[in-house]
Amino acid sequence: MPHKVKTGKYKLKTHKATSKRFRLTGSGVLVRTKGGKSHLRRRTSDRSKALLASMLPVKGRSIIKRVRRLVPNLK
């Protein structure tokens, strides 16, 4: 079997932690999840816990630029 010919281009790797934390909406807005949802939530009110479920739009051009660089195939 002949060897595969290399094209000389690099494959971009996705930063997995970033891809799990951020998402793109249909209109192209970058949104993020909120922290503090994993444990020590027994004393937290139901309203506070419900507010943690919503996604927040990311503000700041530099952060958006960094996320797009870390996750090139963000959909």
N, C-alpha and C. Protein backbone atom coordinates (compact mmCIF):
# COMPACT_ATOMS: atom_id res chain seq x y z
N MET A 1 0.83 -1.19 0.00
CA MET A 1 0.00 0.00 0.00
C MET A 1 0.87 1.24 0.00
N PRO A 2 0.57 2.21 -0.85
CA PRO A 2 1.36 3.45 -0.87
C PRO A 2 1.02 4.32 0.33
N HIS A 3 2.02 5.12 0.75
CA HIS A 3 1.81 6.02 1.87
C HIS A 3 0.98 7.21 1.44
N LYS A 4 0.30 7.80 2.40
CA LYS A 4 -0.52 8.98 2.15
C LYS A 4 0.38 10.18 1.89
N VAL A 5 0.08 10.93 0.87
CA VAL A 5 0.87 12.11 0.53
C VAL A 5 0.44 13.26 1.43
N LYS A 6 1.40 13.92 2.08
CA LYS A 6 1.09 15.05 2.95
C LYS A 6 0.89 16.30 2.13
N THR A 7 -0.13 17.08 2.49
CA THR A 7 -0.44 18.29 1.75
C THR A 7 0.33 19.50 2.29
N GLY A 8 0.90 19.39 3.48
CA GLY A 8 1.66 20.50 4.04
C GLY A 8 0.84 21.43 4.91
N LYS A 9 -0.46 21.16 5.05
CA LYS A 9 -1.29 22.00 5.89
C LYS A 9 -1.44 21.36 7.26
N TYR A 10 -1.65 22.21 8.26
CA TYR A 10 -1.80 21.73 9.62
C TYR A 10 -3.27 21.56 9.95
N LYS A 11 -3.54 20.59 10.80
CA LYS A 11 -4.89 20.39 11.28
C LYS A 11 -5.07 21.21 12.54
N LEU A 12 -6.11 22.02 12.61
CA LEU A 12 -6.36 22.84 13.78
C LEU A 12 -7.02 22.01 14.86
N LYS A 13 -6.49 22.09 16.07
CA LYS A 13 -7.05 21.34 17.17
C LYS A 13 -7.99 22.23 17.98
N THR A 14 -9.10 21.66 18.40
CA THR A 14 -10.08 22.37 19.20
C THR A 14 -9.69 22.32 20.67
N HIS A 15 -9.79 23.45 21.35
CA HIS A 15 -9.58 23.49 22.80
C HIS A 15 -10.87 23.02 23.45
N LYS A 16 -10.85 21.79 24.00
CA LYS A 16 -12.07 21.13 24.44
C LYS A 16 -12.78 21.85 25.58
N ALA A 17 -12.04 22.39 26.54
CA ALA A 17 -12.68 23.09 27.66
C ALA A 17 -13.46 24.31 27.16
N THR A 18 -12.90 25.02 26.20
CA THR A 18 -13.56 26.19 25.65
C THR A 18 -14.80 25.79 24.86
N SER A 19 -14.72 24.71 24.10
CA SER A 19 -15.86 24.29 23.30
C SER A 19 -17.03 23.84 24.17
N LYS A 20 -16.74 23.37 25.38
CA LYS A 20 -17.82 22.95 26.27
C LYS A 20 -18.45 24.14 26.99
N ARG A 21 -17.72 25.23 27.13
CA ARG A 21 -18.22 26.38 27.88
C ARG A 21 -18.95 27.41 27.03
N PHE A 22 -18.63 27.48 25.76
CA PHE A 22 -19.20 28.52 24.89
C PHE A 22 -20.00 27.90 23.76
N ARG A 23 -20.95 28.70 23.22
CA ARG A 23 -21.79 28.25 22.12
C ARG A 23 -22.14 29.45 21.25
N LEU A 24 -22.40 29.21 19.99
CA LEU A 24 -22.85 30.26 19.08
C LEU A 24 -24.34 30.14 18.86
N THR A 25 -25.06 31.26 18.92
CA THR A 25 -26.48 31.23 18.64
C THR A 25 -26.69 31.26 17.13
N GLY A 26 -27.92 31.14 16.72
CA GLY A 26 -28.24 31.17 15.29
C GLY A 26 -27.88 32.49 14.64
N SER A 27 -27.98 33.58 15.40
CA SER A 27 -27.65 34.90 14.85
C SER A 27 -26.16 35.22 14.95
N GLY A 28 -25.37 34.27 15.48
CA GLY A 28 -23.93 34.47 15.53
C GLY A 28 -23.41 35.11 16.81
N VAL A 29 -24.24 35.18 17.85
CA VAL A 29 -23.81 35.77 19.12
C VAL A 29 -23.15 34.67 19.95
N LEU A 30 -22.01 34.99 20.53
CA LEU A 30 -21.30 34.04 21.39
C LEU A 30 -21.90 34.11 22.78
N VAL A 31 -22.35 32.96 23.31
CA VAL A 31 -22.94 32.92 24.64
C VAL A 31 -22.15 31.96 25.52
N ARG A 32 -22.22 32.21 26.83
CA ARG A 32 -21.48 31.38 27.78
C ARG A 32 -22.41 30.88 28.87
N THR A 33 -21.99 29.80 29.53
CA THR A 33 -22.74 29.28 30.67
C THR A 33 -22.26 29.98 31.94
N LYS A 34 -22.99 29.80 33.01
CA LYS A 34 -22.61 30.38 34.28
C LYS A 34 -21.94 29.32 35.15
N GLY A 35 -21.07 29.76 36.04
CA GLY A 35 -20.38 28.84 36.92
C GLY A 35 -21.15 28.63 38.21
N GLY A 36 -20.65 27.73 39.05
CA GLY A 36 -21.26 27.50 40.35
C GLY A 36 -22.47 26.61 40.32
N LYS A 37 -22.53 25.66 39.36
CA LYS A 37 -23.70 24.81 39.24
C LYS A 37 -23.45 23.37 39.68
N SER A 38 -22.23 23.05 40.10
CA SER A 38 -21.92 21.65 40.31
C SER A 38 -22.24 21.12 41.71
N HIS A 39 -21.81 21.80 42.75
CA HIS A 39 -22.05 21.28 44.10
C HIS A 39 -22.20 22.44 45.09
N LEU A 40 -22.51 22.11 46.35
CA LEU A 40 -22.75 23.09 47.43
C LEU A 40 -23.93 24.01 47.09
N ARG A 41 -25.03 23.41 46.61
CA ARG A 41 -26.18 24.22 46.19
C ARG A 41 -27.40 23.98 47.06
N ARG A 42 -27.25 23.29 48.17
CA ARG A 42 -28.43 22.96 48.99
C ARG A 42 -29.03 24.20 49.64
N ARG A 43 -28.19 25.13 50.06
CA ARG A 43 -28.70 26.31 50.75
C ARG A 43 -29.10 27.42 49.77
N THR A 44 -28.81 27.24 48.51
CA THR A 44 -29.15 28.24 47.51
C THR A 44 -30.65 28.20 47.22
N SER A 45 -31.25 29.37 47.04
CA SER A 45 -32.68 29.43 46.78
C SER A 45 -33.00 28.88 45.39
N ASP A 46 -34.24 28.47 45.20
CA ASP A 46 -34.67 27.91 43.91
C ASP A 46 -34.55 28.94 42.80
N ARG A 47 -34.82 30.19 43.15
CA ARG A 47 -34.75 31.25 42.15
C ARG A 47 -33.31 31.44 41.68
N SER A 48 -32.37 31.44 42.61
CA SER A 48 -30.95 31.59 42.25
C SER A 48 -30.48 30.44 41.39
N LYS A 49 -30.93 29.23 41.71
CA LYS A 49 -30.54 28.05 40.93
C LYS A 49 -31.14 28.11 39.54
N ALA A 50 -32.36 28.63 39.42
CA ALA A 50 -33.00 28.76 38.12
C ALA A 50 -32.28 29.80 37.26
N LEU A 51 -31.78 30.85 37.90
CA LEU A 51 -31.08 31.89 37.16
C LEU A 51 -29.74 31.40 36.60
N LEU A 52 -29.17 30.35 37.22
CA LEU A 52 -27.91 29.80 36.74
C LEU A 52 -28.07 29.05 35.42
N ALA A 53 -29.31 28.67 35.09
CA ALA A 53 -29.55 27.86 33.89
C ALA A 53 -29.44 28.69 32.60
N SER A 54 -29.62 30.01 32.69
CA SER A 54 -29.63 30.83 31.47
C SER A 54 -28.22 31.07 30.94
N MET A 55 -28.15 31.31 29.64
CA MET A 55 -26.87 31.59 28.99
C MET A 55 -26.73 33.11 28.86
N LEU A 56 -25.50 33.59 28.99
CA LEU A 56 -25.21 35.03 28.90
C LEU A 56 -24.45 35.34 27.63
N PRO A 57 -24.80 36.42 26.93
CA PRO A 57 -23.97 36.81 25.79
C PRO A 57 -22.61 37.32 26.26
N VAL A 58 -21.58 37.01 25.51
CA VAL A 58 -20.22 37.40 25.87
C VAL A 58 -19.98 38.82 25.38
N LYS A 59 -19.52 39.68 26.28
CA LYS A 59 -19.19 41.05 25.92
C LYS A 59 -17.68 41.18 25.91
N GLY A 60 -17.17 42.02 25.09
CA GLY A 60 -15.73 42.23 25.02
C GLY A 60 -15.13 41.58 23.78
N ARG A 61 -14.60 42.41 22.92
CA ARG A 61 -14.05 41.93 21.65
C ARG A 61 -12.87 40.99 21.83
N SER A 62 -12.04 41.27 22.85
CA SER A 62 -10.84 40.46 23.03
C SER A 62 -11.17 39.03 23.45
N ILE A 63 -12.19 38.87 24.29
CA ILE A 63 -12.59 37.53 24.72
C ILE A 63 -13.18 36.76 23.55
N ILE A 64 -14.02 37.41 22.76
CA ILE A 64 -14.62 36.75 21.59
C ILE A 64 -13.54 36.31 20.62
N LYS A 65 -12.55 37.17 20.43
CA LYS A 65 -11.44 36.85 19.52
C LYS A 65 -10.67 35.63 20.02
N ARG A 66 -10.42 35.58 21.32
CA ARG A 66 -9.67 34.47 21.91
C ARG A 66 -10.45 33.16 21.80
N VAL A 67 -11.77 33.21 22.04
CA VAL A 67 -12.59 32.00 21.95
C VAL A 67 -12.62 31.48 20.51
N ARG A 68 -12.74 32.38 19.55
CA ARG A 68 -12.77 31.96 18.14
C ARG A 68 -11.45 31.33 17.72
N ARG A 69 -10.35 31.80 18.32
CA ARG A 69 -9.04 31.22 18.00
C ARG A 69 -8.90 29.84 18.62
N LEU A 70 -9.43 29.66 19.85
CA LEU A 70 -9.33 28.37 20.53
C LEU A 70 -10.25 27.32 19.93
N VAL A 71 -11.42 27.76 19.46
CA VAL A 71 -12.39 26.83 18.87
C VAL A 71 -12.67 27.28 17.45
N PRO A 72 -11.86 26.86 16.48
CA PRO A 72 -12.04 27.34 15.11
C PRO A 72 -13.30 26.81 14.44
N ASN A 73 -13.80 25.65 14.87
CA ASN A 73 -14.96 25.04 14.23
C ASN A 73 -16.23 25.23 15.05
N LEU A 74 -16.33 26.34 15.79
CA LEU A 74 -17.48 26.59 16.65
C LEU A 74 -18.74 26.75 15.81
N LYS A 75 -19.77 25.97 16.20
CA LYS A 75 -21.04 26.07 15.45
C LYS A 75 -22.16 26.37 16.40
